[in-house]
Amino acid sequence: IPVIGIPISTKTLGGVDSLYSIVQMPSGIPVATV
């Protein structure tokens, strides 16, 4: 099942932490990220 990840902005790092967590999935476990 395709999974689309939405990084949510955070107070501490503005959402960059969320973006990196979602977009850096290991090979074989993709998450489309907006």
PDB file of all heavy atoms in Angstrom:
ATOM      1  N   ILE A   1       0.859  -1.193   0.000  1.00  0.00           N
ATOM      2  CA  ILE A   1       0.000   0.000   0.000  1.00  0.00           C
ATOM      3  C   ILE A   1       0.891   1.238   0.000  1.00  0.00           C
ATOM      4  O   ILE A   1       1.744   1.386   0.871  1.00  0.00           O
ATOM      5  CB  ILE A   1      -0.934   0.013   1.240  1.00  0.00           C
ATOM      6  CG1 ILE A   1      -1.877  -1.196   1.204  1.00  0.00           C
ATOM      7  CG2 ILE A   1      -1.724   1.316   1.302  1.00  0.00           C
ATOM      8  CD1 ILE A   1      -2.758  -1.341   2.429  1.00  0.00           C
ATOM      9  N   PRO A   2       0.709   2.132  -0.979  1.00  0.00           N
ATOM     10  CA  PRO A   2       1.523   3.349  -0.983  1.00  0.00           C
ATOM     11  C   PRO A   2       1.275   4.201   0.258  1.00  0.00           C
ATOM     12  O   PRO A   2       0.131   4.363   0.694  1.00  0.00           O
ATOM     13  CB  PRO A   2       1.060   4.100  -2.235  1.00  0.00           C
ATOM     14  CG  PRO A   2       0.271   3.139  -3.040  1.00  0.00           C
ATOM     15  CD  PRO A   2      -0.223   2.082  -2.109  1.00  0.00           C
ATOM     16  N   VAL A   3       2.350   4.735   0.812  1.00  0.00           N
ATOM     17  CA  VAL A   3       2.270   5.630   1.963  1.00  0.00           C
ATOM     18  C   VAL A   3       2.852   6.979   1.554  1.00  0.00           C
ATOM     19  O   VAL A   3       3.950   7.051   0.999  1.00  0.00           O
ATOM     20  CB  VAL A   3       3.035   5.061   3.179  1.00  0.00           C
ATOM     21  CG1 VAL A   3       3.040   6.064   4.330  1.00  0.00           C
ATOM     22  CG2 VAL A   3       2.430   3.733   3.626  1.00  0.00           C
ATOM     23  N   ILE A   4       2.086   8.026   1.841  1.00  0.00           N
ATOM     24  CA  ILE A   4       2.523   9.393   1.584  1.00  0.00           C
ATOM     25  C   ILE A   4       2.753  10.045   2.943  1.00  0.00           C
ATOM     26  O   ILE A   4       1.843  10.091   3.769  1.00  0.00           O
ATOM     27  CB  ILE A   4       1.471  10.184   0.785  1.00  0.00           C
ATOM     28  CG1 ILE A   4       1.178   9.494  -0.550  1.00  0.00           C
ATOM     29  CG2 ILE A   4       1.941  11.631   0.572  1.00  0.00           C
ATOM     30  CD1 ILE A   4      -0.046  10.049  -1.278  1.00  0.00           C
ATOM     31  N   GLY A   5       3.955  10.541   3.169  1.00  0.00           N
ATOM     32  CA  GLY A   5       4.286  11.168   4.437  1.00  0.00           C
ATOM     33  C   GLY A   5       4.212  12.680   4.358  1.00  0.00           C
ATOM     34  O   GLY A   5       4.649  13.282   3.372  1.00  0.00           O
ATOM     35  N   ILE A   6       3.650  13.264   5.394  1.00  0.00           N
ATOM     36  CA  ILE A   6       3.590  14.724   5.520  1.00  0.00           C
ATOM     37  C   ILE A   6       4.419  15.118   6.738  1.00  0.00           C
ATOM     38  O   ILE A   6       4.020  14.855   7.871  1.00  0.00           O
ATOM     39  CB  ILE A   6       2.150  15.226   5.717  1.00  0.00           C
ATOM     40  CG1 ILE A   6       1.246  14.755   4.578  1.00  0.00           C
ATOM     41  CG2 ILE A   6       2.139  16.758   5.843  1.00  0.00           C
ATOM     42  CD1 ILE A   6      -0.223  14.977   4.850  1.00  0.00           C
ATOM     43  N   PRO A   7       5.582  15.726   6.517  1.00  0.00           N
ATOM     44  CA  PRO A   7       6.346  16.224   7.666  1.00  0.00           C
ATOM     45  C   PRO A   7       5.626  17.426   8.270  1.00  0.00           C
ATOM     46  O   PRO A   7       5.261  18.357   7.560  1.00  0.00           O
ATOM     47  CB  PRO A   7       7.690  16.642   7.068  1.00  0.00           C
ATOM     48  CG  PRO A   7       7.613  16.369   5.602  1.00  0.00           C
ATOM     49  CD  PRO A   7       6.242  15.978   5.251  1.00  0.00           C
ATOM     50  N   ILE A   8       5.394  17.371   9.561  1.00  0.00           N
ATOM     51  CA  ILE A   8       4.695  18.455  10.249  1.00  0.00           C
ATOM     52  C   ILE A   8       5.731  19.370  10.908  1.00  0.00           C
ATOM     53  O   ILE A   8       6.674  18.900  11.542  1.00  0.00           O
ATOM     54  CB  ILE A   8       3.722  17.896  11.314  1.00  0.00           C
ATOM     55  CG1 ILE A   8       2.725  16.912  10.690  1.00  0.00           C
ATOM     56  CG2 ILE A   8       3.013  19.026  12.043  1.00  0.00           C
ATOM     57  CD1 ILE A   8       1.731  17.504   9.718  1.00  0.00           C
ATOM     58  N   SER A   9       5.535  20.653  10.746  1.00  0.00           N
ATOM     59  CA  SER A   9       6.450  21.635  11.325  1.00  0.00           C
ATOM     60  C   SER A   9       6.523  21.475  12.842  1.00  0.00           C
ATOM     61  O   SER A   9       5.514  21.220  13.496  1.00  0.00           O
ATOM     62  CB  SER A   9       5.985  23.041  10.972  1.00  0.00           C
ATOM     63  OG  SER A   9       6.897  23.987  11.461  1.00  0.00           O
ATOM     64  N   THR A  10       7.721  21.645  13.372  1.00  0.00           N
ATOM     65  CA  THR A  10       7.927  21.561  14.818  1.00  0.00           C
ATOM     66  C   THR A  10       8.462  22.891  15.327  1.00  0.00           C
ATOM     67  O   THR A  10       9.049  23.673  14.575  1.00  0.00           O
ATOM     68  CB  THR A  10       8.944  20.451  15.160  1.00  0.00           C
ATOM     69  OG1 THR A  10      10.168  20.720  14.482  1.00  0.00           O
ATOM     70  CG2 THR A  10       8.426  19.085  14.756  1.00  0.00           C
ATOM     71  N   LYS A  11       8.294  23.123  16.617  1.00  0.00           N
ATOM     72  CA  LYS A  11       8.786  24.372  17.213  1.00  0.00           C
ATOM     73  C   LYS A  11      10.308  24.398  17.265  1.00  0.00           C
ATOM     74  O   LYS A  11      10.922  25.443  17.095  1.00  0.00           O
ATOM     75  CB  LYS A  11       8.213  24.542  18.624  1.00  0.00           C
ATOM     76  CG  LYS A  11       6.741  24.805  18.635  1.00  0.00           C
ATOM     77  CD  LYS A  11       6.206  24.914  20.045  1.00  0.00           C
ATOM     78  CE  LYS A  11       4.699  25.073  19.991  1.00  0.00           C
ATOM     79  NZ  LYS A  11       4.083  24.916  21.290  1.00  0.00           N
ATOM     80  N   THR A  12      10.916  23.246  17.489  1.00  0.00           N
ATOM     81  CA  THR A  12      12.367  23.241  17.681  1.00  0.00           C
ATOM     82  C   THR A  12      13.144  23.360  16.384  1.00  0.00           C
ATOM     83  O   THR A  12      14.094  24.129  16.317  1.00  0.00           O
ATOM     84  CB  THR A  12      12.808  21.958  18.424  1.00  0.00           C
ATOM     85  OG1 THR A  12      12.269  20.826  17.746  1.00  0.00           O
ATOM     86  CG2 THR A  12      12.331  21.966  19.852  1.00  0.00           C
ATOM     87  N   LEU A  13      12.757  22.618  15.350  1.00  0.00           N
ATOM     88  CA  LEU A  13      13.539  22.623  14.114  1.00  0.00           C
ATOM     89  C   LEU A  13      12.718  22.975  12.871  1.00  0.00           C
ATOM     90  O   LEU A  13      13.178  22.756  11.751  1.00  0.00           O
ATOM     91  CB  LEU A  13      14.222  21.262  13.921  1.00  0.00           C
ATOM     92  CG  LEU A  13      15.248  20.905  15.007  1.00  0.00           C
ATOM     93  CD1 LEU A  13      15.727  19.472  14.833  1.00  0.00           C
ATOM     94  CD2 LEU A  13      16.437  21.858  14.967  1.00  0.00           C
ATOM     95  N   GLY A  14      11.520  23.482  13.074  1.00  0.00           N
ATOM     96  CA  GLY A  14      10.720  23.964  11.957  1.00  0.00           C
ATOM     97  C   GLY A  14      10.224  22.904  10.998  1.00  0.00           C
ATOM     98  O   GLY A  14       9.779  23.215   9.904  1.00  0.00           O
ATOM     99  N   GLY A  15      10.311  21.653  11.369  1.00  0.00           N
ATOM    100  CA  GLY A  15       9.838  20.576  10.501  1.00  0.00           C
ATOM    101  C   GLY A  15      10.921  19.904   9.688  1.00  0.00           C
ATOM    102  O   GLY A  15      10.681  18.889   9.047  1.00  0.00           O
ATOM    103  N   VAL A  16      12.131  20.465   9.695  1.00  0.00           N
ATOM    104  CA  VAL A  16      13.233  19.839   8.954  1.00  0.00           C
ATOM    105  C   VAL A  16      13.538  18.469   9.555  1.00  0.00           C
ATOM    106  O   VAL A  16      13.820  17.510   8.831  1.00  0.00           O
ATOM    107  CB  VAL A  16      14.480  20.752   8.936  1.00  0.00           C
ATOM    108  CG1 VAL A  16      15.659  20.046   8.310  1.00  0.00           C
ATOM    109  CG2 VAL A  16      14.175  22.036   8.180  1.00  0.00           C
ATOM    110  N   ASP A  17      13.429  18.363  10.871  1.00  0.00           N
ATOM    111  CA  ASP A  17      13.625  17.066  11.528  1.00  0.00           C
ATOM    112  C   ASP A  17      12.608  16.050  11.019  1.00  0.00           C
ATOM    113  O   ASP A  17      12.950  14.910  10.697  1.00  0.00           O
ATOM    114  CB  ASP A  17      13.545  17.207  13.050  1.00  0.00           C
ATOM    115  CG  ASP A  17      12.331  17.986  13.544  1.00  0.00           C
ATOM    116  OD1 ASP A  17      11.678  18.687  12.741  1.00  0.00           O
ATOM    117  OD2 ASP A  17      12.031  17.902  14.747  1.00  0.00           O
ATOM    118  N   SER A  18      11.360  16.480  10.907  1.00  0.00           N
ATOM    119  CA  SER A  18      10.296  15.598  10.413  1.00  0.00           C
ATOM    120  C   SER A  18      10.551  15.209   8.964  1.00  0.00           C
ATOM    121  O   SER A  18      10.402  14.044   8.585  1.00  0.00           O
ATOM    122  CB  SER A  18       8.946  16.317  10.502  1.00  0.00           C
ATOM    123  OG  SER A  18       8.759  16.915  11.753  1.00  0.00           O
ATOM    124  N   LEU A  19      10.932  16.179   8.154  1.00  0.00           N
ATOM    125  CA  LEU A  19      11.220  15.921   6.749  1.00  0.00           C
ATOM    126  C   LEU A  19      12.317  14.875   6.599  1.00  0.00           C
ATOM    127  O   LEU A  19      12.165  13.896   5.870  1.00  0.00           O
ATOM    128  CB  LEU A  19      11.629  17.220   6.044  1.00  0.00           C
ATOM    129  CG  LEU A  19      12.086  17.090   4.594  1.00  0.00           C
ATOM    130  CD1 LEU A  19      10.951  16.615   3.704  1.00  0.00           C
ATOM    131  CD2 LEU A  19      12.647  18.410   4.097  1.00  0.00           C
ATOM    132  N   TYR A  20      13.420  15.073   7.304  1.00  0.00           N
ATOM    133  CA  TYR A  20      14.527  14.112   7.213  1.00  0.00           C
ATOM    134  C   TYR A  20      14.112  12.731   7.695  1.00  0.00           C
ATOM    135  O   TYR A  20      14.498  11.720   7.100  1.00  0.00           O
ATOM    136  CB  TYR A  20      15.735  14.593   8.014  1.00  0.00           C
ATOM    137  CG  TYR A  20      16.486  15.761   7.405  1.00  0.00           C
ATOM    138  CD1 TYR A  20      17.343  16.516   8.176  1.00  0.00           C
ATOM    139  CD2 TYR A  20      16.329  16.113   6.075  1.00  0.00           C
ATOM    140  CE1 TYR A  20      18.047  17.588   7.631  1.00  0.00           C
ATOM    141  CE2 TYR A  20      17.019  17.184   5.525  1.00  0.00           C
ATOM    142  CZ  TYR A  20      17.877  17.916   6.306  1.00  0.00           C
ATOM    143  OH  TYR A  20      18.561  18.970   5.772  1.00  0.00           O
ATOM    144  N   SER A  21      13.324  12.664   8.762  1.00  0.00           N
ATOM    145  CA  SER A  21      12.892  11.366   9.276  1.00  0.00           C
ATOM    146  C   SER A  21      12.057  10.608   8.258  1.00  0.00           C
ATOM    147  O   SER A  21      12.177   9.391   8.131  1.00  0.00           O
ATOM    148  CB  SER A  21      12.074  11.540  10.559  1.00  0.00           C
ATOM    149  OG  SER A  21      12.875  12.003  11.607  1.00  0.00           O
ATOM    150  N   ILE A  22      11.207  11.318   7.532  1.00  0.00           N
ATOM    151  CA  ILE A  22      10.309  10.657   6.581  1.00  0.00           C
ATOM    152  C   ILE A  22      11.015  10.340   5.268  1.00  0.00           C
ATOM    153  O   ILE A  22      10.870   9.261   4.710  1.00  0.00           O
ATOM    154  CB  ILE A  22       9.051  11.518   6.339  1.00  0.00           C
ATOM    155  CG1 ILE A  22       8.252  11.650   7.641  1.00  0.00           C
ATOM    156  CG2 ILE A  22       8.181  10.909   5.244  1.00  0.00           C
ATOM    157  CD1 ILE A  22       7.105  12.644   7.587  1.00  0.00           C
ATOM    158  N   VAL A  23      11.802  11.263   4.775  1.00  0.00           N
ATOM    159  CA  VAL A  23      12.392  11.095   3.447  1.00  0.00           C
ATOM    160  C   VAL A  23      13.570  10.107   3.441  1.00  0.00           C
ATOM    161  O   VAL A  23      13.876   9.522   2.418  1.00  0.00           O
ATOM    162  CB  VAL A  23      12.785  12.469   2.854  1.00  0.00           C
ATOM    163  CG1 VAL A  23      14.098  12.980   3.405  1.00  0.00           C
ATOM    164  CG2 VAL A  23      12.803  12.443   1.347  1.00  0.00           C
ATOM    165  N   GLN A  24      14.194   9.874   4.579  1.00  0.00           N
ATOM    166  CA  GLN A  24      15.385   9.014   4.644  1.00  0.00           C
ATOM    167  C   GLN A  24      15.042   7.564   4.983  1.00  0.00           C
ATOM    168  O   GLN A  24      15.701   6.940   5.796  1.00  0.00           O
ATOM    169  CB  GLN A  24      16.380   9.568   5.671  1.00  0.00           C
ATOM    170  CG  GLN A  24      17.029  10.853   5.254  1.00  0.00           C
ATOM    171  CD  GLN A  24      17.957  10.670   4.056  1.00  0.00           C
ATOM    172  OE1 GLN A  24      18.333   9.582   3.686  1.00  0.00           O
ATOM    173  NE2 GLN A  24      18.324  11.771   3.436  1.00  0.00           N
ATOM    174  N   MET A  25      14.043   7.022   4.330  1.00  0.00           N
ATOM    175  CA  MET A  25      13.674   5.627   4.570  1.00  0.00           C
ATOM    176  C   MET A  25      14.697   4.705   3.901  1.00  0.00           C
ATOM    177  O   MET A  25      15.265   5.036   2.866  1.00  0.00           O
ATOM    178  CB  MET A  25      12.276   5.357   4.023  1.00  0.00           C
ATOM    179  CG  MET A  25      11.182   6.056   4.805  1.00  0.00           C
ATOM    180  SD  MET A  25      11.130   5.556   6.534  1.00  0.00           S
ATOM    181  CE  MET A  25      10.761   3.822   6.367  1.00  0.00           C
ATOM    182  N   PRO A  26      14.900   3.521   4.487  1.00  0.00           N
ATOM    183  CA  PRO A  26      15.863   2.587   3.893  1.00  0.00           C
ATOM    184  C   PRO A  26      15.333   1.999   2.588  1.00  0.00           C
ATOM    185  O   PRO A  26      14.127   1.966   2.350  1.00  0.00           O
ATOM    186  CB  PRO A  26      16.008   1.502   4.971  1.00  0.00           C
ATOM    187  CG  PRO A  26      14.759   1.583   5.770  1.00  0.00           C
ATOM    188  CD  PRO A  26      14.318   3.014   5.725  1.00  0.00           C
ATOM    189  N   SER A  27      16.239   1.527   1.785  1.00  0.00           N
ATOM    190  CA  SER A  27      15.886   0.899   0.509  1.00  0.00           C
ATOM    191  C   SER A  27      14.867  -0.213   0.741  1.00  0.00           C
ATOM    192  O   SER A  27      15.009  -1.017   1.655  1.00  0.00           O
ATOM    193  CB  SER A  27      17.148   0.333  -0.136  1.00  0.00           C
ATOM    194  OG  SER A  27      16.832  -0.283  -1.360  1.00  0.00           O
ATOM    195  N   GLY A  28      13.836  -0.221  -0.069  1.00  0.00           N
ATOM    196  CA  GLY A  28      12.808  -1.247   0.027  1.00  0.00           C
ATOM    197  C   GLY A  28      11.586  -0.824   0.821  1.00  0.00           C
ATOM    198  O   GLY A  28      10.559  -1.495   0.778  1.00  0.00           O
ATOM    199  N   ILE A  29      11.675   0.278   1.555  1.00  0.00           N
ATOM    200  CA  ILE A  29      10.542   0.767   2.353  1.00  0.00           C
ATOM    201  C   ILE A  29      10.291   2.234   1.968  1.00  0.00           C
ATOM    202  O   ILE A  29      10.551   3.154   2.750  1.00  0.00           O
ATOM    203  CB  ILE A  29      10.804   0.658   3.881  1.00  0.00           C
ATOM    204  CG1 ILE A  29      11.368  -0.687   4.273  1.00  0.00           C
ATOM    205  CG2 ILE A  29       9.528   0.978   4.665  1.00  0.00           C
ATOM    206  CD1 ILE A  29      10.411  -1.856   4.078  1.00  0.00           C
ATOM    207  N   PRO A  30       9.797   2.480   0.754  1.00  0.00           N
ATOM    208  CA  PRO A  30       9.627   3.871   0.330  1.00  0.00           C
ATOM    209  C   PRO A  30       8.433   4.549   0.982  1.00  0.00           C
ATOM    210  O   PRO A  30       7.420   3.916   1.283  1.00  0.00           O
ATOM    211  CB  PRO A  30       9.389   3.737  -1.183  1.00  0.00           C
ATOM    212  CG  PRO A  30       8.735   2.407  -1.330  1.00  0.00           C
ATOM    213  CD  PRO A  30       9.377   1.526  -0.273  1.00  0.00           C
ATOM    214  N   VAL A  31       8.590   5.845   1.209  1.00  0.00           N
ATOM    215  CA  VAL A  31       7.493   6.714   1.627  1.00  0.00           C
ATOM    216  C   VAL A  31       7.567   7.938   0.713  1.00  0.00           C
ATOM    217  O   VAL A  31       8.569   8.652   0.708  1.00  0.00           O
ATOM    218  CB  VAL A  31       7.622   7.144   3.109  1.00  0.00           C
ATOM    219  CG1 VAL A  31       6.551   8.174   3.459  1.00  0.00           C
ATOM    220  CG2 VAL A  31       7.524   5.943   4.040  1.00  0.00           C
ATOM    221  N   ALA A  32       6.514   8.144  -0.064  1.00  0.00           N
ATOM    222  CA  ALA A  32       6.443   9.370  -0.857  1.00  0.00           C
ATOM    223  C   ALA A  32       6.307  10.518   0.132  1.00  0.00           C
ATOM    224  O   ALA A  32       5.548  10.422   1.100  1.00  0.00           O
ATOM    225  CB  ALA A  32       5.246   9.325  -1.797  1.00  0.00           C
ATOM    226  N   THR A  33       7.050  11.583  -0.067  1.00  0.00           N
ATOM    227  CA  THR A  33       7.073  12.660   0.919  1.00  0.00           C
ATOM    228  C   THR A  33       6.764  13.987   0.244  1.00  0.00           C
ATOM    229  O   THR A  33       7.324  14.292  -0.803  1.00  0.00           O
ATOM    230  CB  THR A  33       8.453  12.726   1.611  1.00  0.00           C
ATOM    231  OG1 THR A  33       8.791  11.421   2.068  1.00  0.00           O
ATOM    232  CG2 THR A  33       8.449  13.686   2.771  1.00  0.00           C
ATOM    233  N   VAL A  34       5.876  14.751   0.868  1.00  0.00           N
ATOM    234  CA  VAL A  34       5.541  16.080   0.362  1.00  0.00           C
ATOM    235  C   VAL A  34       6.229  17.124   1.243  1.00  0.00           C
ATOM    236  O   VAL A  34       6.942  16.783   2.178  1.00  0.00           O
ATOM    237  CB  VAL A  34       4.004  16.285   0.314  1.00  0.00           C
ATOM    238  CG1 VAL A  34       3.357  15.321  -0.685  1.00  0.00           C
ATOM    239  CG2 VAL A  34       3.372  16.135   1.686  1.00  0.00           C
TER     240      VAL A  34
END
